[in-house]
Amino acid sequence: MRRKQRTVWMAAFSAAALLLSGCVNQNAHTAAAGEADELRIVATSPAVVDIMARLDIDLVGVPNSTLSEIPARYDDATRTGTAMGPDMEVIKTLNPDWVIGPASLQTDMEPKLEAAGLNGIFLNLESVEGLYKSVEQLGELFGRQEEAQEMIDEFSAFYYEYSQVNVDKGSPTVLVLMGLPGSYVVATGKSYVGSLVRLAGGTNVYEDEETDFIIANTEDMQTKAPDIILRAAHAMPEDVVNMFKEEFETNDIWRHFRAVEDGCVYDLPYDQFGMSAKFNFPEALDTLQPMLYGE
């Protein structure tokens, strides 16, 4: 079983490599070993900041965030706006060698970086596997291979042990909703929350969609007959919790879902189940465990 789980992990890791190909601006120079200490680097999301901190890389610019804690080592770094709306004028004044952000925002950010003549790196953080592939690639790019390998080895050890936890418990079917105040979408198997459900042994009822989020009507969701409904927040978590509560109380169709009848509807904590993979995923899996399998 251990050999089988190792094969599964390596296959997923290789797949993540394909997803990350082409994210680095091919016209930009490649940092030699140790050169990261001489580079000016901006990270545009808290998830990217966490990676850079663990790789022991300084940053001249970091995002503003009221919901995620920026490591103290970056207290003197310039704030560059929110992850969803980085301030390109501020970033340009920092004269960065690299601007690093999540691939989920590449479509919006890349043209702006090109117009400003800046080099961008976009990381696939839509899964735990993508997170660690990003760690590996950044380690190679910035001469932090040793730090990167240490993190990868730690995850490999964790994965081998965790893969045994729910191996004989079956696979509950799960509907994942991602909300903003006033609206919500379905999070598929390609989203970060979807990847956590899969890692925990659950089956996303929208696993095989081509994008990370889709719009689906409640009638279609009902036909999927999920065992469990998970509700996550894209932003403004308190408002989203209230929005979901009102939606489930006032929209009659929800009471006909088996998950609702069985009391298997859960609101996920925002700090563990955001848009991008972060290193607190073991805590997120601990949170999912009783939701998927009971106490």
C-alpha atoms as a PDB file:
ATOM      1  CA  MET A   1       0.000   0.000   0.000  1.00  0.00           C
ATOM      2  CA  ARG A   2       2.795   2.415   0.807  1.00  0.00           C
ATOM      3  CA  ARG A   3       4.367   1.855  -2.629  1.00  0.00           C
ATOM      4  CA  LYS A   4       0.981   2.456  -4.260  1.00  0.00           C
ATOM      5  CA  GLN A   5       0.474   5.704  -2.323  1.00  0.00           C
ATOM      6  CA  ARG A   6       3.970   6.867  -3.294  1.00  0.00           C
ATOM      7  CA  THR A   7       3.089   6.267  -6.956  1.00  0.00           C
ATOM      8  CA  VAL A   8      -0.147   8.249  -6.616  1.00  0.00           C
ATOM      9  CA  TRP A   9       1.689  11.155  -4.985  1.00  0.00           C
ATOM     10  CA  MET A  10       4.403  11.238  -7.640  1.00  0.00           C
ATOM     11  CA  ALA A  11       1.809  11.122 -10.441  1.00  0.00           C
ATOM     12  CA  ALA A  12      -0.068  14.053  -8.923  1.00  0.00           C
ATOM     13  CA  PHE A  13       3.184  15.941  -8.453  1.00  0.00           C
ATOM     14  CA  SER A  14       4.125  15.402 -12.114  1.00  0.00           C
ATOM     15  CA  ALA A  15       0.690  16.604 -13.207  1.00  0.00           C
ATOM     16  CA  ALA A  16       1.190  19.773 -11.182  1.00  0.00           C
ATOM     17  CA  ALA A  17       4.434  20.362 -13.058  1.00  0.00           C
ATOM     18  CA  LEU A  18       2.541  20.438 -16.353  1.00  0.00           C
ATOM     19  CA  LEU A  19       0.058  22.927 -14.954  1.00  0.00           C
ATOM     20  CA  LEU A  20       2.891  25.265 -13.983  1.00  0.00           C
ATOM     21  CA  SER A  21       4.775  25.183 -17.284  1.00  0.00           C
ATOM     22  CA  GLY A  22       5.017  28.540 -19.000  1.00  0.00           C
ATOM     23  CA  CYS A  23       4.192  30.569 -15.891  1.00  0.00           C
ATOM     24  CA  VAL A  24       7.615  32.218 -15.845  1.00  0.00           C
ATOM     25  CA  ASN A  25       8.243  35.079 -18.253  1.00  0.00           C
ATOM     26  CA  GLN A  26      10.647  33.513 -20.728  1.00  0.00           C
ATOM     27  CA  ASN A  27      12.274  36.887 -21.459  1.00  0.00           C
ATOM     28  CA  ALA A  28      13.365  37.335 -17.865  1.00  0.00           C
ATOM     29  CA  HIS A  29      16.742  36.260 -16.492  1.00  0.00           C
ATOM     30  CA  THR A  30      17.019  33.218 -14.272  1.00  0.00           C
ATOM     31  CA  ALA A  31      18.397  33.748 -10.786  1.00  0.00           C
ATOM     32  CA  ALA A  32      21.633  31.934 -10.015  1.00  0.00           C
ATOM     33  CA  ALA A  33      22.121  30.153  -6.697  1.00  0.00           C
ATOM     34  CA  GLY A  34      22.137  32.682  -3.895  1.00  0.00           C
ATOM     35  CA  GLU A  35      21.090  35.544  -6.170  1.00  0.00           C
ATOM     36  CA  ALA A  36      17.692  35.870  -4.483  1.00  0.00           C
ATOM     37  CA  ASP A  37      19.388  37.940  -1.777  1.00  0.00           C
ATOM     38  CA  GLU A  38      20.192  40.560  -4.423  1.00  0.00           C
ATOM     39  CA  LEU A  39      16.814  40.633  -6.154  1.00  0.00           C
ATOM     40  CA  ARG A  40      13.841  42.901  -5.621  1.00  0.00           C
ATOM     41  CA  ILE A  41      10.757  40.687  -5.428  1.00  0.00           C
ATOM     42  CA  VAL A  42       7.078  41.508  -4.934  1.00  0.00           C
ATOM     43  CA  ALA A  43       4.531  38.894  -3.821  1.00  0.00           C
ATOM     44  CA  THR A  44       0.929  39.844  -4.525  1.00  0.00           C
ATOM     45  CA  SER A  45      -0.966  37.331  -2.343  1.00  0.00           C
ATOM     46  CA  PRO A  46      -0.617  36.093   1.254  1.00  0.00           C
ATOM     47  CA  ALA A  47      -0.217  32.505   0.011  1.00  0.00           C
ATOM     48  CA  VAL A  48       2.777  33.512  -2.098  1.00  0.00           C
ATOM     49  CA  VAL A  49       4.221  35.486   0.815  1.00  0.00           C
ATOM     50  CA  ASP A  50       4.097  32.356   2.979  1.00  0.00           C
ATOM     51  CA  ILE A  51       6.048  30.379   0.378  1.00  0.00           C
ATOM     52  CA  MET A  52       8.714  33.051   0.081  1.00  0.00           C
ATOM     53  CA  ALA A  53       9.063  33.272   3.864  1.00  0.00           C
ATOM     54  CA  ARG A  54       9.616  29.517   4.125  1.00  0.00           C
ATOM     55  CA  LEU A  55      12.197  29.704   1.360  1.00  0.00           C
ATOM     56  CA  ASP A  56      13.951  32.469   3.342  1.00  0.00           C
ATOM     57  CA  ILE A  57      13.596  35.054   0.569  1.00  0.00           C
ATOM     58  CA  ASP A  58      13.225  38.777   1.234  1.00  0.00           C
ATOM     59  CA  LEU A  59      10.437  40.802  -0.380  1.00  0.00           C
ATOM     60  CA  VAL A  60      10.218  44.510  -1.171  1.00  0.00           C
ATOM     61  CA  GLY A  61       6.449  44.393  -1.642  1.00  0.00           C
ATOM     62  CA  VAL A  62       3.641  42.391  -0.013  1.00  0.00           C
ATOM     63  CA  PRO A  63      -0.150  42.604  -0.191  1.00  0.00           C
ATOM     64  CA  ASN A  64      -2.473  44.334   2.227  1.00  0.00           C
ATOM     65  CA  SER A  65      -4.531  41.787   4.139  1.00  0.00           C
ATOM     66  CA  THR A  66      -6.914  41.989   7.076  1.00  0.00           C
ATOM     67  CA  LEU A  67      -7.731  38.267   7.047  1.00  0.00           C
ATOM     68  CA  SER A  68      -4.265  36.728   6.658  1.00  0.00           C
ATOM     69  CA  GLU A  69      -1.218  37.435   8.782  1.00  0.00           C
ATOM     70  CA  ILE A  70       1.866  38.649   6.922  1.00  0.00           C
ATOM     71  CA  PRO A  71       5.096  37.301   8.523  1.00  0.00           C
ATOM     72  CA  ALA A  72       6.881  39.830  10.720  1.00  0.00           C
ATOM     73  CA  ARG A  73      10.033  39.649   8.595  1.00  0.00           C
ATOM     74  CA  TYR A  74       8.139  41.694   5.978  1.00  0.00           C
ATOM     75  CA  ASP A  75       6.984  44.475   8.302  1.00  0.00           C
ATOM     76  CA  ASP A  76       9.132  46.991   6.414  1.00  0.00           C
ATOM     77  CA  ALA A  77       8.002  45.846   2.954  1.00  0.00           C
ATOM     78  CA  THR A  78       5.782  48.201   0.956  1.00  0.00           C
ATOM     79  CA  ARG A  79       2.088  47.299   0.883  1.00  0.00           C
ATOM     80  CA  THR A  80       0.956  46.885  -2.706  1.00  0.00           C
ATOM     81  CA  GLY A  81      -2.827  46.602  -2.443  1.00  0.00           C
ATOM     82  CA  THR A  82      -5.061  43.576  -2.088  1.00  0.00           C
ATOM     83  CA  ALA A  83      -4.425  40.188  -3.651  1.00  0.00           C
ATOM     84  CA  MET A  84      -7.457  40.641  -5.898  1.00  0.00           C
ATOM     85  CA  GLY A  85      -6.457  44.171  -6.913  1.00  0.00           C
ATOM     86  CA  PRO A  86      -2.727  44.854  -6.616  1.00  0.00           C
ATOM     87  CA  ASP A  87      -1.765  48.492  -7.191  1.00  0.00           C
ATOM     88  CA  MET A  88       0.431  48.430 -10.294  1.00  0.00           C
ATOM     89  CA  GLU A  89       1.549  52.041  -9.823  1.00  0.00           C
ATOM     90  CA  VAL A  90       2.918  51.215  -6.376  1.00  0.00           C
ATOM     91  CA  ILE A  91       4.523  48.008  -7.661  1.00  0.00           C
ATOM     92  CA  LYS A  92       6.244  49.903 -10.494  1.00  0.00           C
ATOM     93  CA  THR A  93       7.824  52.341  -8.032  1.00  0.00           C
ATOM     94  CA  LEU A  94       9.509  49.384  -6.310  1.00  0.00           C
ATOM     95  CA  ASN A  95      11.381  48.525  -9.525  1.00  0.00           C
ATOM     96  CA  PRO A  96      11.000  44.777  -8.921  1.00  0.00           C
ATOM     97  CA  ASP A  97      12.968  42.093 -10.747  1.00  0.00           C
ATOM     98  CA  TRP A  98      10.012  39.736 -10.254  1.00  0.00           C
ATOM     99  CA  VAL A  99       6.335  40.039  -9.395  1.00  0.00           C
ATOM    100  CA  ILE A 100       4.909  36.729  -8.158  1.00  0.00           C
ATOM    101  CA  GLY A 101       1.202  35.951  -7.882  1.00  0.00           C
ATOM    102  CA  PRO A 102      -1.284  33.082  -8.111  1.00  0.00           C
ATOM    103  CA  ALA A 103      -2.134  31.652 -11.531  1.00  0.00           C
ATOM    104  CA  SER A 104      -5.830  32.145 -10.738  1.00  0.00           C
ATOM    105  CA  LEU A 105      -5.281  35.886 -11.308  1.00  0.00           C
ATOM    106  CA  GLN A 106      -2.902  35.563 -14.263  1.00  0.00           C
ATOM    107  CA  THR A 107      -5.457  36.588 -16.886  1.00  0.00           C
ATOM    108  CA  ASP A 108      -5.960  39.934 -15.166  1.00  0.00           C
ATOM    109  CA  MET A 109      -2.396  40.580 -13.984  1.00  0.00           C
ATOM    110  CA  GLU A 110      -0.253  39.443 -16.903  1.00  0.00           C
ATOM    111  CA  PRO A 111      -1.271  42.192 -19.374  1.00  0.00           C
ATOM    112  CA  LYS A 112      -0.690  44.818 -16.697  1.00  0.00           C
ATOM    113  CA  LEU A 113       2.773  43.485 -15.924  1.00  0.00           C
ATOM    114  CA  GLU A 114       3.655  43.351 -19.618  1.00  0.00           C
ATOM    115  CA  ALA A 115       2.457  46.935 -20.093  1.00  0.00           C
ATOM    116  CA  ALA A 116       4.660  48.005 -17.188  1.00  0.00           C
ATOM    117  CA  GLY A 117       7.656  46.067 -18.507  1.00  0.00           C
ATOM    118  CA  LEU A 118       7.756  43.829 -15.438  1.00  0.00           C
ATOM    119  CA  ASN A 119       8.562  40.129 -15.148  1.00  0.00           C
ATOM    120  CA  GLY A 120       5.832  37.919 -13.692  1.00  0.00           C
ATOM    121  CA  ILE A 121       5.695  34.450 -12.220  1.00  0.00           C
ATOM    122  CA  PHE A 122       2.297  32.833 -11.720  1.00  0.00           C
ATOM    123  CA  LEU A 123       1.979  29.890  -9.364  1.00  0.00           C
ATOM    124  CA  ASN A 124      -0.605  27.117  -9.511  1.00  0.00           C
ATOM    125  CA  LEU A 125      -1.910  27.152  -5.940  1.00  0.00           C
ATOM    126  CA  GLU A 126      -5.211  25.415  -6.658  1.00  0.00           C
ATOM    127  CA  SER A 127      -4.085  22.191  -4.977  1.00  0.00           C
ATOM    128  CA  VAL A 128      -1.662  20.996  -2.336  1.00  0.00           C
ATOM    129  CA  GLU A 129       0.328  19.291  -5.098  1.00  0.00           C
ATOM    130  CA  GLY A 130       0.509  22.586  -6.980  1.00  0.00           C
ATOM    131  CA  LEU A 131       1.700  24.339  -3.831  1.00  0.00           C
ATOM    132  CA  TYR A 132       4.660  22.019  -3.437  1.00  0.00           C
ATOM    133  CA  LYS A 133       5.489  22.046  -7.136  1.00  0.00           C
ATOM    134  CA  SER A 134       5.599  25.840  -6.842  1.00  0.00           C
ATOM    135  CA  VAL A 135       7.950  25.475  -3.890  1.00  0.00           C
ATOM    136  CA  GLU A 136      10.212  23.231  -5.965  1.00  0.00           C
ATOM    137  CA  GLN A 137      10.295  25.573  -8.955  1.00  0.00           C
ATOM    138  CA  LEU A 138      10.906  28.686  -6.881  1.00  0.00           C
ATOM    139  CA  GLY A 139      13.656  26.864  -5.000  1.00  0.00           C
ATOM    140  CA  GLU A 140      15.371  26.130  -8.304  1.00  0.00           C
ATOM    141  CA  LEU A 141      14.834  29.634  -9.644  1.00  0.00           C
ATOM    142  CA  PHE A 142      16.107  31.472  -6.582  1.00  0.00           C
ATOM    143  CA  GLY A 143      18.819  29.138  -5.311  1.00  0.00           C
ATOM    144  CA  ARG A 144      16.810  27.769  -2.410  1.00  0.00           C
ATOM    145  CA  GLN A 145      16.840  24.100  -3.434  1.00  0.00           C
ATOM    146  CA  GLU A 146      17.755  22.865   0.037  1.00  0.00           C
ATOM    147  CA  GLU A 147      14.898  24.716   1.740  1.00  0.00           C
ATOM    148  CA  ALA A 148      12.479  23.594  -0.955  1.00  0.00           C
ATOM    149  CA  GLN A 149      13.502  19.940  -0.717  1.00  0.00           C
ATOM    150  CA  GLU A 150      13.105  19.979   3.042  1.00  0.00           C
ATOM    151  CA  MET A 151       9.504  21.150   2.679  1.00  0.00           C
ATOM    152  CA  ILE A 152       8.774  18.602  -0.046  1.00  0.00           C
ATOM    153  CA  ASP A 153      10.188  15.794   2.092  1.00  0.00           C
ATOM    154  CA  GLU A 154       8.047  16.913   5.030  1.00  0.00           C
ATOM    155  CA  PHE A 155       4.935  16.792   2.873  1.00  0.00           C
ATOM    156  CA  SER A 156       5.835  13.393   1.434  1.00  0.00           C
ATOM    157  CA  ALA A 157       6.138  11.966   4.950  1.00  0.00           C
ATOM    158  CA  PHE A 158       2.833  13.552   5.934  1.00  0.00           C
ATOM    159  CA  TYR A 159       1.088  12.282   2.814  1.00  0.00           C
ATOM    160  CA  TYR A 160       2.202   8.678   3.280  1.00  0.00           C
ATOM    161  CA  GLU A 161       0.828   8.640   6.812  1.00  0.00           C
ATOM    162  CA  TYR A 162      -2.368  10.588   6.097  1.00  0.00           C
ATOM    163  CA  SER A 163      -3.293   8.441   3.096  1.00  0.00           C
ATOM    164  CA  GLN A 164      -3.942   5.548   5.464  1.00  0.00           C
ATOM    165  CA  VAL A 165      -6.352   7.398   7.748  1.00  0.00           C
ATOM    166  CA  ASN A 166      -9.550   7.035   5.704  1.00  0.00           C
ATOM    167  CA  VAL A 167      -8.571   4.219   3.356  1.00  0.00           C
ATOM    168  CA  ASP A 168     -11.310   1.833   4.565  1.00  0.00           C
ATOM    169  CA  LYS A 169     -14.064   4.377   5.241  1.00  0.00           C
ATOM    170  CA  GLY A 170     -15.605   4.739   1.807  1.00  0.00           C
ATOM    171  CA  SER A 171     -15.878   8.016  -0.072  1.00  0.00           C
ATOM    172  CA  PRO A 172     -18.729  10.372   0.895  1.00  0.00           C
ATOM    173  CA  THR A 173     -20.061  12.554  -1.918  1.00  0.00           C
ATOM    174  CA  VAL A 174     -19.628  16.264  -1.359  1.00  0.00           C
ATOM    175  CA  LEU A 175     -21.093  19.455  -2.828  1.00  0.00           C
ATOM    176  CA  VAL A 176     -18.847  22.486  -2.262  1.00  0.00           C
ATOM    177  CA  LEU A 177     -20.279  26.001  -2.528  1.00  0.00           C
ATOM    178  CA  MET A 178     -18.036  29.080  -2.685  1.00  0.00           C
ATOM    179  CA  GLY A 179     -19.761  32.295  -1.718  1.00  0.00           C
ATOM    180  CA  LEU A 180     -19.568  36.052  -1.902  1.00  0.00           C
ATOM    181  CA  PRO A 181     -22.192  38.217  -0.198  1.00  0.00           C
ATOM    182  CA  GLY A 182     -25.280  37.848  -2.354  1.00  0.00           C
ATOM    183  CA  SER A 183     -24.062  35.078  -4.668  1.00  0.00           C
ATOM    184  CA  TYR A 184     -22.301  31.741  -4.796  1.00  0.00           C
ATOM    185  CA  VAL A 185     -20.814  29.264  -7.255  1.00  0.00           C
ATOM    186  CA  VAL A 186     -19.932  25.575  -7.165  1.00  0.00           C
ATOM    187  CA  ALA A 187     -16.315  24.699  -6.359  1.00  0.00           C
ATOM    188  CA  THR A 188     -15.201  21.770  -8.513  1.00  0.00           C
ATOM    189  CA  GLY A 189     -12.427  19.254  -8.034  1.00  0.00           C
ATOM    190  CA  LYS A 190     -10.026  21.739  -9.637  1.00  0.00           C
ATOM    191  CA  SER A 191     -10.443  24.293  -6.835  1.00  0.00           C
ATOM    192  CA  TYR A 192      -8.298  24.321  -3.704  1.00  0.00           C
ATOM    193  CA  VAL A 193     -11.208  23.336  -1.464  1.00  0.00           C
ATOM    194  CA  GLY A 194     -12.003  20.593  -3.962  1.00  0.00           C
ATOM    195  CA  SER A 195      -8.443  19.314  -3.759  1.00  0.00           C
ATOM    196  CA  LEU A 196      -8.708  19.114   0.034  1.00  0.00           C
ATOM    197  CA  VAL A 197     -11.943  17.116  -0.230  1.00  0.00           C
ATOM    198  CA  ARG A 198     -10.196  14.716  -2.602  1.00  0.00           C
ATOM    199  CA  LEU A 199      -7.118  14.447  -0.390  1.00  0.00           C
ATOM    200  CA  ALA A 200      -9.394  13.660   2.564  1.00  0.00           C
ATOM    201  CA  GLY A 201     -10.983  10.825   0.592  1.00  0.00           C
ATOM    202  CA  GLY A 202     -14.253  12.475  -0.376  1.00  0.00           C
ATOM    203  CA  THR A 203     -15.774  12.650  -3.870  1.00  0.00           C
ATOM    204  CA  ASN A 204     -16.740  16.067  -5.218  1.00  0.00           C
ATOM    205  CA  VAL A 205     -20.035  15.701  -7.083  1.00  0.00           C
ATOM    206  CA  TYR A 206     -18.609  18.156  -9.634  1.00  0.00           C
ATOM    207  CA  GLU A 207     -15.143  16.584  -9.688  1.00  0.00           C
ATOM    208  CA  ASP A 208     -14.584  16.398 -13.442  1.00  0.00           C
ATOM    209  CA  GLU A 209     -15.453  19.925 -14.554  1.00  0.00           C
ATOM    210  CA  GLU A 210     -12.909  21.799 -16.677  1.00  0.00           C
ATOM    211  CA  THR A 211     -12.705  24.911 -14.472  1.00  0.00           C
ATOM    212  CA  ASP A 212     -12.288  25.436 -10.739  1.00  0.00           C
ATOM    213  CA  PHE A 213     -15.673  27.144 -10.314  1.00  0.00           C
ATOM    214  CA  ILE A 214     -18.916  26.762 -12.241  1.00  0.00           C
ATOM    215  CA  ILE A 215     -22.436  28.114 -12.080  1.00  0.00           C
ATOM    216  CA  ALA A 216     -25.006  25.358 -11.526  1.00  0.00           C
ATOM    217  CA  ASN A 217     -28.688  25.624 -10.678  1.00  0.00           C
ATOM    218  CA  THR A 218     -30.045  24.082  -7.502  1.00  0.00           C
ATOM    219  CA  GLU A 219     -32.069  21.523  -9.437  1.00  0.00           C
ATOM    220  CA  ASP A 220     -28.905  20.123 -10.987  1.00  0.00           C
ATOM    221  CA  MET A 221     -27.178  20.125  -7.613  1.00  0.00           C
ATOM    222  CA  GLN A 222     -30.078  18.165  -6.138  1.00  0.00           C
ATOM    223  CA  THR A 223     -29.755  15.462  -8.795  1.00  0.00           C
ATOM    224  CA  LYS A 224     -26.170  14.882  -7.585  1.00  0.00           C
ATOM    225  CA  ALA A 225     -27.586  13.817  -4.178  1.00  0.00           C
ATOM    226  CA  PRO A 226     -24.531  14.834  -2.129  1.00  0.00           C
ATOM    227  CA  ASP A 227     -24.032  13.250   1.272  1.00  0.00           C
ATOM    228  CA  ILE A 228     -22.463  16.456   2.553  1.00  0.00           C
ATOM    229  CA  ILE A 229     -22.638  20.154   1.659  1.00  0.00           C
ATOM    230  CA  LEU A 230     -19.654  22.370   2.436  1.00  0.00           C
ATOM    231  CA  ARG A 231     -19.944  26.165   2.272  1.00  0.00           C
ATOM    232  CA  ALA A 232     -16.818  28.297   1.875  1.00  0.00           C
ATOM    233  CA  ALA A 233     -16.190  32.025   1.459  1.00  0.00           C
ATOM    234  CA  HIS A 234     -14.264  33.766  -1.290  1.00  0.00           C
ATOM    235  CA  ALA A 235     -14.101  36.922   0.832  1.00  0.00           C
ATOM    236  CA  MET A 236     -15.985  38.684   3.658  1.00  0.00           C
ATOM    237  CA  PRO A 237     -16.575  35.395   5.516  1.00  0.00           C
ATOM    238  CA  GLU A 238     -19.014  36.682   8.144  1.00  0.00           C
ATOM    239  CA  ASP A 239     -21.274  38.169   5.478  1.00  0.00           C
ATOM    240  CA  VAL A 240     -21.061  34.971   3.431  1.00  0.00           C
ATOM    241  CA  VAL A 241     -22.090  32.811   6.398  1.00  0.00           C
ATOM    242  CA  ASN A 242     -25.158  35.010   6.866  1.00  0.00           C
ATOM    243  CA  MET A 243     -25.889  34.896   3.137  1.00  0.00           C
ATOM    244  CA  PHE A 244     -25.780  31.089   3.079  1.00  0.00           C
ATOM    245  CA  LYS A 245     -27.930  30.880   6.190  1.00  0.00           C
ATOM    246  CA  GLU A 246     -30.615  33.053   4.589  1.00  0.00           C
ATOM    247  CA  GLU A 247     -30.398  31.167   1.283  1.00  0.00           C
ATOM    248  CA  PHE A 248     -30.879  27.775   2.926  1.00  0.00           C
ATOM    249  CA  GLU A 249     -33.744  29.066   5.079  1.00  0.00           C
ATOM    250  CA  THR A 250     -35.681  30.862   2.350  1.00  0.00           C
ATOM    251  CA  ASN A 251     -35.052  28.745  -0.767  1.00  0.00           C
ATOM    252  CA  ASP A 252     -37.387  25.774  -0.344  1.00  0.00           C
ATOM    253  CA  ILE A 253     -35.438  23.420  -2.591  1.00  0.00           C
ATOM    254  CA  TRP A 254     -32.594  23.047  -0.098  1.00  0.00           C
ATOM    255  CA  ARG A 255     -34.796  21.241   2.420  1.00  0.00           C
ATOM    256  CA  HIS A 256     -35.140  18.416  -0.134  1.00  0.00           C
ATOM    257  CA  PHE A 257     -31.386  17.732  -0.220  1.00  0.00           C
ATOM    258  CA  ARG A 258     -30.448  14.602   1.719  1.00  0.00           C
ATOM    259  CA  ALA A 259     -27.454  16.439   3.197  1.00  0.00           C
ATOM    260  CA  VAL A 260     -29.786  19.086   4.625  1.00  0.00           C
ATOM    261  CA  GLU A 261     -32.243  16.482   5.929  1.00  0.00           C
ATOM    262  CA  ASP A 262     -29.359  14.661   7.636  1.00  0.00           C
ATOM    263  CA  GLY A 263     -27.870  17.823   9.125  1.00  0.00           C
ATOM    264  CA  CYS A 264     -24.676  17.466   7.076  1.00  0.00           C
ATOM    265  CA  VAL A 265     -24.212  21.099   6.021  1.00  0.00           C
ATOM    266  CA  TYR A 266     -21.050  22.820   7.254  1.00  0.00           C
ATOM    267  CA  ASP A 267     -19.534  26.294   6.997  1.00  0.00           C
ATOM    268  CA  LEU A 268     -15.772  26.096   6.446  1.00  0.00           C
ATOM    269  CA  PRO A 269     -13.429  28.490   8.299  1.00  0.00           C
ATOM    270  CA  TYR A 270     -12.038  31.078   5.904  1.00  0.00           C
ATOM    271  CA  ASP A 271      -8.488  30.940   7.269  1.00  0.00           C
ATOM    272  CA  GLN A 272      -8.229  27.252   6.314  1.00  0.00           C
ATOM    273  CA  PHE A 273     -10.305  27.097   3.129  1.00  0.00           C
ATOM    274  CA  GLY A 274      -9.477  30.097   0.979  1.00  0.00           C
ATOM    275  CA  MET A 275      -8.836  30.378  -2.743  1.00  0.00           C
ATOM    276  CA  SER A 276      -5.168  29.333  -2.670  1.00  0.00           C
ATOM    277  CA  ALA A 277      -3.335  26.397  -1.132  1.00  0.00           C
ATOM    278  CA  LYS A 278      -1.459  27.268   2.041  1.00  0.00           C
ATOM    279  CA  PHE A 279       0.758  25.403   4.457  1.00  0.00           C
ATOM    280  CA  ASN A 280      -2.022  25.081   7.028  1.00  0.00           C
ATOM    281  CA  PHE A 281      -3.687  22.375   4.910  1.00  0.00           C
ATOM    282  CA  PRO A 282      -3.149  19.713   7.662  1.00  0.00           C
ATOM    283  CA  GLU A 283      -5.389  21.804   9.940  1.00  0.00           C
ATOM    284  CA  ALA A 284      -7.941  22.053   7.118  1.00  0.00           C
ATOM    285  CA  LEU A 285      -7.896  18.264   6.747  1.00  0.00           C
ATOM    286  CA  ASP A 286      -8.413  17.917  10.501  1.00  0.00           C
ATOM    287  CA  THR A 287     -11.435  20.212  10.165  1.00  0.00           C
ATOM    288  CA  LEU A 288     -12.815  18.130   7.284  1.00  0.00           C
ATOM    289  CA  GLN A 289     -12.380  14.787   9.061  1.00  0.00           C
ATOM    290  CA  PRO A 290     -15.492  14.886  11.314  1.00  0.00           C
ATOM    291  CA  MET A 291     -17.527  16.590   8.588  1.00  0.00           C
ATOM    292  CA  LEU A 292     -16.859  13.770   6.125  1.00  0.00           C
ATOM    293  CA  TYR A 293     -16.692  10.798   8.469  1.00  0.00           C
ATOM    294  CA  GLY A 294     -18.326  11.766  11.762  1.00  0.00           C
ATOM    295  CA  GLU A 295     -16.709  12.099  15.141  1.00  0.00           C
END
